[in-house]
PDB file of all heavy atoms in Angstrom:
ATOM      1  N   TYR A   1       6.632  -1.678 -13.438  1.00  0.00           N
ATOM      2  CA  TYR A   1       7.442  -0.873 -12.516  1.00  0.00           C
ATOM      3  C   TYR A   1       8.433  -1.754 -11.769  1.00  0.00           C
ATOM      4  O   TYR A   1       9.565  -1.335 -11.498  1.00  0.00           O
ATOM      5  CB  TYR A   1       6.547  -0.129 -11.524  1.00  0.00           C
ATOM      6  CG  TYR A   1       5.912   1.114 -12.106  1.00  0.00           C
ATOM      7  CD1 TYR A   1       4.547   1.190 -12.318  1.00  0.00           C
ATOM      8  CD2 TYR A   1       6.687   2.214 -12.441  1.00  0.00           C
ATOM      9  CE1 TYR A   1       3.958   2.325 -12.864  1.00  0.00           C
ATOM     10  CE2 TYR A   1       6.127   3.356 -12.984  1.00  0.00           C
ATOM     11  CZ  TYR A   1       4.752   3.413 -13.191  1.00  0.00           C
ATOM     12  OH  TYR A   1       4.184   4.539 -13.723  1.00  0.00           O
ATOM     13  N   GLN A   2       8.026  -2.990 -11.452  1.00  0.00           N
ATOM     14  CA  GLN A   2       8.932  -3.883 -10.744  1.00  0.00           C
ATOM     15  C   GLN A   2      10.159  -4.193 -11.603  1.00  0.00           C
ATOM     16  O   GLN A   2      11.294  -4.195 -11.103  1.00  0.00           O
ATOM     17  CB  GLN A   2       8.206  -5.169 -10.353  1.00  0.00           C
ATOM     18  CG  GLN A   2       8.984  -6.017  -9.352  1.00  0.00           C
ATOM     19  CD  GLN A   2       9.240  -5.280  -8.049  1.00  0.00           C
ATOM     20  OE1 GLN A   2       8.314  -4.833  -7.375  1.00  0.00           O
ATOM     21  NE2 GLN A   2      10.516  -5.123  -7.703  1.00  0.00           N
ATOM     22  N   GLU A   3       9.927  -4.444 -12.899  1.00  0.00           N
ATOM     23  CA  GLU A   3      11.053  -4.684 -13.805  1.00  0.00           C
ATOM     24  C   GLU A   3      11.949  -3.463 -13.894  1.00  0.00           C
ATOM     25  O   GLU A   3      13.181  -3.569 -13.888  1.00  0.00           O
ATOM     26  CB  GLU A   3      10.535  -5.048 -15.201  1.00  0.00           C
ATOM     27  CG  GLU A   3       9.890  -6.410 -15.314  1.00  0.00           C
ATOM     28  CD  GLU A   3       9.282  -6.654 -16.676  1.00  0.00           C
ATOM     29  OE1 GLU A   3       8.624  -5.727 -17.214  1.00  0.00           O
ATOM     30  OE2 GLU A   3       9.452  -7.759 -17.211  1.00  0.00           O
ATOM     31  N   TYR A   4      11.326  -2.293 -13.980  1.00  0.00           N
ATOM     32  CA  TYR A   4      12.093  -1.046 -14.060  1.00  0.00           C
ATOM     33  C   TYR A   4      12.991  -0.891 -12.830  1.00  0.00           C
ATOM     34  O   TYR A   4      14.173  -0.563 -12.938  1.00  0.00           O
ATOM     35  CB  TYR A   4      11.128   0.134 -14.175  1.00  0.00           C
ATOM     36  CG  TYR A   4      11.827   1.473 -14.328  1.00  0.00           C
ATOM     37  CD1 TYR A   4      12.135   1.976 -15.585  1.00  0.00           C
ATOM     38  CD2 TYR A   4      12.191   2.229 -13.210  1.00  0.00           C
ATOM     39  CE1 TYR A   4      12.787   3.200 -15.735  1.00  0.00           C
ATOM     40  CE2 TYR A   4      12.841   3.441 -13.346  1.00  0.00           C
ATOM     41  CZ  TYR A   4      13.132   3.919 -14.604  1.00  0.00           C
ATOM     42  OH  TYR A   4      13.793   5.119 -14.739  1.00  0.00           O
ATOM     43  N   LEU A   5      12.419  -1.143 -11.659  1.00  0.00           N
ATOM     44  CA  LEU A   5      13.183  -1.001 -10.417  1.00  0.00           C
ATOM     45  C   LEU A   5      14.263  -2.072 -10.308  1.00  0.00           C
ATOM     46  O   LEU A   5      15.398  -1.782  -9.891  1.00  0.00           O
ATOM     47  CB  LEU A   5      12.233  -1.073  -9.222  1.00  0.00           C
ATOM     48  CG  LEU A   5      11.233   0.088  -9.095  1.00  0.00           C
ATOM     49  CD1 LEU A   5      10.149  -0.247  -8.070  1.00  0.00           C
ATOM     50  CD2 LEU A   5      11.942   1.380  -8.716  1.00  0.00           C
ATOM     51  N   ASN A   6      13.940  -3.301 -10.710  1.00  0.00           N
ATOM     52  CA  ASN A   6      14.918  -4.386 -10.629  1.00  0.00           C
ATOM     53  C   ASN A   6      16.117  -4.137 -11.540  1.00  0.00           C
ATOM     54  O   ASN A   6      17.254  -4.489 -11.198  1.00  0.00           O
ATOM     55  CB  ASN A   6      14.276  -5.722 -10.990  1.00  0.00           C
ATOM     56  CG  ASN A   6      13.303  -6.218  -9.928  1.00  0.00           C
ATOM     57  OD1 ASN A   6      13.316  -5.735  -8.795  1.00  0.00           O
ATOM     58  ND2 ASN A   6      12.456  -7.165 -10.295  1.00  0.00           N
ATOM     59  N   LYS A   7      15.847  -3.546 -12.714  1.00  0.00           N
ATOM     60  CA  LYS A   7      16.917  -3.274 -13.672  1.00  0.00           C
ATOM     61  C   LYS A   7      17.690  -1.996 -13.326  1.00  0.00           C
ATOM     62  O   LYS A   7      18.685  -1.672 -13.968  1.00  0.00           O
ATOM     63  CB  LYS A   7      16.337  -3.154 -15.086  1.00  0.00           C
ATOM     64  CG  LYS A   7      15.750  -4.445 -15.634  1.00  0.00           C
ATOM     65  CD  LYS A   7      15.100  -4.229 -16.995  1.00  0.00           C
ATOM     66  CE  LYS A   7      14.410  -5.474 -17.514  1.00  0.00           C
ATOM     67  NZ  LYS A   7      15.356  -6.575 -17.800  1.00  0.00           N
ATOM     68  N   ASN A   8      17.194  -1.253 -12.319  1.00  0.00           N
ATOM     69  CA  ASN A   8      17.850  -0.030 -11.866  1.00  0.00           C
ATOM     70  C   ASN A   8      18.050   0.959 -13.020  1.00  0.00           C
ATOM     71  O   ASN A   8      19.123   1.561 -13.170  1.00  0.00           O
ATOM     72  CB  ASN A   8      19.196  -0.349 -11.200  1.00  0.00           C
ATOM     73  CG  ASN A   8      19.687   0.788 -10.324  1.00  0.00           C
ATOM     74  OD1 ASN A   8      18.901   1.498  -9.699  1.00  0.00           O
ATOM     75  ND2 ASN A   8      21.000   0.974 -10.283  1.00  0.00           N
ATOM     76  N   LEU A   9      17.014   1.120 -13.841  1.00  0.00           N
ATOM     77  CA  LEU A   9      17.085   2.040 -14.967  1.00  0.00           C
ATOM     78  C   LEU A   9      16.970   3.486 -14.474  1.00  0.00           C
ATOM     79  O   LEU A   9      16.532   3.737 -13.344  1.00  0.00           O
ATOM     80  CB  LEU A   9      15.970   1.716 -15.971  1.00  0.00           C
ATOM     81  CG  LEU A   9      16.027   0.297 -16.551  1.00  0.00           C
ATOM     82  CD1 LEU A   9      14.781  -0.002 -17.376  1.00  0.00           C
ATOM     83  CD2 LEU A   9      17.288   0.114 -17.396  1.00  0.00           C
ATOM     84  N   CYS A  10      17.369   4.414 -15.307  1.00  0.00           N
ATOM     85  CA  CYS A  10      17.468   5.794 -14.823  1.00  0.00           C
ATOM     86  C   CYS A  10      16.728   6.814 -15.688  1.00  0.00           C
ATOM     87  O   CYS A  10      16.999   8.007 -15.611  1.00  0.00           O
ATOM     88  CB  CYS A  10      18.928   6.200 -14.674  1.00  0.00           C
ATOM     89  SG  CYS A  10      19.890   6.084 -16.198  1.00  0.00           S
ATOM     90  N   ALA A  11      15.796   6.358 -16.516  1.00  0.00           N
ATOM     91  CA  ALA A  11      15.054   7.311 -17.359  1.00  0.00           C
ATOM     92  C   ALA A  11      14.174   8.223 -16.511  1.00  0.00           C
ATOM     93  O   ALA A  11      13.987   9.395 -16.825  1.00  0.00           O
ATOM     94  CB  ALA A  11      14.208   6.567 -18.389  1.00  0.00           C
ATOM     95  N   ILE A  12      13.596   7.651 -15.457  1.00  0.00           N
ATOM     96  CA  ILE A  12      12.850   8.460 -14.499  1.00  0.00           C
ATOM     97  C   ILE A  12      13.355   8.112 -13.103  1.00  0.00           C
ATOM     98  O   ILE A  12      13.927   7.046 -12.875  1.00  0.00           O
ATOM     99  CB  ILE A  12      11.321   8.239 -14.584  1.00  0.00           C
ATOM    100  CG1 ILE A  12      10.943   6.802 -14.212  1.00  0.00           C
ATOM    101  CG2 ILE A  12      10.795   8.583 -15.963  1.00  0.00           C
ATOM    102  CD1 ILE A  12       9.448   6.585 -14.118  1.00  0.00           C
ATOM    103  N   ASP A  13      13.154   9.029 -12.184  1.00  0.00           N
ATOM    104  CA  ASP A  13      13.629   8.865 -10.819  1.00  0.00           C
ATOM    105  C   ASP A  13      13.044   7.598 -10.184  1.00  0.00           C
ATOM    106  O   ASP A  13      11.850   7.319 -10.330  1.00  0.00           O
ATOM    107  CB  ASP A  13      13.217  10.113 -10.028  1.00  0.00           C
ATOM    108  CG  ASP A  13      13.757  10.093  -8.623  1.00  0.00           C
ATOM    109  OD1 ASP A  13      14.899  10.537  -8.429  1.00  0.00           O
ATOM    110  OD2 ASP A  13      13.028   9.644  -7.733  1.00  0.00           O
ATOM    111  N   LEU A  14      13.883   6.832  -9.502  1.00  0.00           N
ATOM    112  CA  LEU A  14      13.420   5.580  -8.897  1.00  0.00           C
ATOM    113  C   LEU A  14      12.368   5.819  -7.814  1.00  0.00           C
ATOM    114  O   LEU A  14      11.466   5.003  -7.629  1.00  0.00           O
ATOM    115  CB  LEU A  14      14.608   4.807  -8.314  1.00  0.00           C
ATOM    116  CG  LEU A  14      15.640   4.275  -9.324  1.00  0.00           C
ATOM    117  CD1 LEU A  14      16.770   3.558  -8.607  1.00  0.00           C
ATOM    118  CD2 LEU A  14      14.985   3.346 -10.341  1.00  0.00           C
ATOM    119  N   THR A  15      12.483   6.940  -7.124  1.00  0.00           N
ATOM    120  CA  THR A  15      11.472   7.272  -6.120  1.00  0.00           C
ATOM    121  C   THR A  15      10.117   7.477  -6.790  1.00  0.00           C
ATOM    122  O   THR A  15       9.081   7.013  -6.300  1.00  0.00           O
ATOM    123  CB  THR A  15      11.869   8.543  -5.346  1.00  0.00           C
ATOM    124  OG1 THR A  15      13.152   8.348  -4.745  1.00  0.00           O
ATOM    125  CG2 THR A  15      10.849   8.865  -4.262  1.00  0.00           C
ATOM    126  N   ALA A  16      10.126   8.175  -7.934  1.00  0.00           N
ATOM    127  CA  ALA A  16       8.885   8.398  -8.679  1.00  0.00           C
ATOM    128  C   ALA A  16       8.311   7.082  -9.182  1.00  0.00           C
ATOM    129  O   ALA A  16       7.104   6.843  -9.111  1.00  0.00           O
ATOM    130  CB  ALA A  16       9.154   9.346  -9.855  1.00  0.00           C
ATOM    131  N   ALA A  17       9.198   6.204  -9.696  1.00  0.00           N
ATOM    132  CA  ALA A  17       8.741   4.911 -10.208  1.00  0.00           C
ATOM    133  C   ALA A  17       8.109   4.074  -9.097  1.00  0.00           C
ATOM    134  O   ALA A  17       7.057   3.452  -9.284  1.00  0.00           O
ATOM    135  CB  ALA A  17       9.903   4.156 -10.844  1.00  0.00           C
ATOM    136  N   SER A  18       8.739   4.066  -7.933  1.00  0.00           N
ATOM    137  CA  SER A  18       8.201   3.306  -6.804  1.00  0.00           C
ATOM    138  C   SER A  18       6.856   3.858  -6.355  1.00  0.00           C
ATOM    139  O   SER A  18       5.920   3.107  -6.067  1.00  0.00           O
ATOM    140  CB  SER A  18       9.202   3.338  -5.648  1.00  0.00           C
ATOM    141  OG  SER A  18       8.726   2.607  -4.538  1.00  0.00           O
ATOM    142  N   PHE A  19       6.736   5.183  -6.357  1.00  0.00           N
ATOM    143  CA  PHE A  19       5.477   5.820  -5.954  1.00  0.00           C
ATOM    144  C   PHE A  19       4.362   5.467  -6.941  1.00  0.00           C
ATOM    145  O   PHE A  19       3.242   5.142  -6.539  1.00  0.00           O
ATOM    146  CB  PHE A  19       5.668   7.331  -5.885  1.00  0.00           C
ATOM    147  CG  PHE A  19       4.446   8.079  -5.425  1.00  0.00           C
ATOM    148  CD1 PHE A  19       4.224   8.333  -4.084  1.00  0.00           C
ATOM    149  CD2 PHE A  19       3.505   8.546  -6.344  1.00  0.00           C
ATOM    150  CE1 PHE A  19       3.096   9.011  -3.656  1.00  0.00           C
ATOM    151  CE2 PHE A  19       2.385   9.234  -5.936  1.00  0.00           C
ATOM    152  CZ  PHE A  19       2.173   9.464  -4.580  1.00  0.00           C
ATOM    153  N   CYS A  20       4.661   5.540  -8.237  1.00  0.00           N
ATOM    154  CA  CYS A  20       3.654   5.218  -9.253  1.00  0.00           C
ATOM    155  C   CYS A  20       3.250   3.752  -9.175  1.00  0.00           C
ATOM    156  O   CYS A  20       2.077   3.407  -9.379  1.00  0.00           O
ATOM    157  CB  CYS A  20       4.190   5.549 -10.643  1.00  0.00           C
ATOM    158  SG  CYS A  20       4.301   7.315 -10.997  1.00  0.00           S
ATOM    159  N   LYS A  21       4.208   2.880  -8.886  1.00  0.00           N
ATOM    160  CA  LYS A  21       3.909   1.452  -8.723  1.00  0.00           C
ATOM    161  C   LYS A  21       2.912   1.258  -7.582  1.00  0.00           C
ATOM    162  O   LYS A  21       1.918   0.540  -7.725  1.00  0.00           O
ATOM    163  CB  LYS A  21       5.198   0.686  -8.444  1.00  0.00           C
ATOM    164  CG  LYS A  21       5.003  -0.778  -8.074  1.00  0.00           C
ATOM    165  CD  LYS A  21       6.349  -1.438  -7.797  1.00  0.00           C
ATOM    166  CE  LYS A  21       6.178  -2.875  -7.317  1.00  0.00           C
ATOM    167  NZ  LYS A  21       5.603  -2.940  -5.954  1.00  0.00           N
ATOM    168  N   ASP A  22       3.170   1.910  -6.458  1.00  0.00           N
ATOM    169  CA  ASP A  22       2.312   1.739  -5.286  1.00  0.00           C
ATOM    170  C   ASP A  22       0.913   2.313  -5.500  1.00  0.00           C
ATOM    171  O   ASP A  22      -0.048   1.866  -4.865  1.00  0.00           O
ATOM    172  CB  ASP A  22       2.951   2.407  -4.066  1.00  0.00           C
ATOM    173  CG  ASP A  22       4.202   1.684  -3.600  1.00  0.00           C
ATOM    174  OD1 ASP A  22       4.396   0.516  -3.990  1.00  0.00           O
ATOM    175  OD2 ASP A  22       5.004   2.296  -2.857  1.00  0.00           O
ATOM    176  N   ASN A  23       0.810   3.308  -6.392  1.00  0.00           N
ATOM    177  CA  ASN A  23      -0.472   3.990  -6.583  1.00  0.00           C
ATOM    178  C   ASN A  23      -1.131   3.679  -7.923  1.00  0.00           C
ATOM    179  O   ASN A  23      -2.154   4.284  -8.265  1.00  0.00           O
ATOM    180  CB  ASN A  23      -0.276   5.503  -6.430  1.00  0.00           C
ATOM    181  CG  ASN A  23       0.017   5.902  -4.999  1.00  0.00           C
ATOM    182  OD1 ASN A  23      -0.882   6.057  -4.180  1.00  0.00           O
ATOM    183  ND2 ASN A  23       1.298   6.052  -4.674  1.00  0.00           N
ATOM    184  N   GLY A  24      -0.543   2.749  -8.686  1.00  0.00           N
ATOM    185  CA  GLY A  24      -1.176   2.279  -9.917  1.00  0.00           C
ATOM    186  C   GLY A  24      -1.314   3.331 -11.005  1.00  0.00           C
ATOM    187  O   GLY A  24      -2.325   3.353 -11.716  1.00  0.00           O
TER     188      GLY A  24
END
């Protein structure tokens, strides 16, 4: 998820990606 957020990819919402990262 960190790589996904760092690359600013847009396949899924960044808010969703950050939430999933925090909750495993």
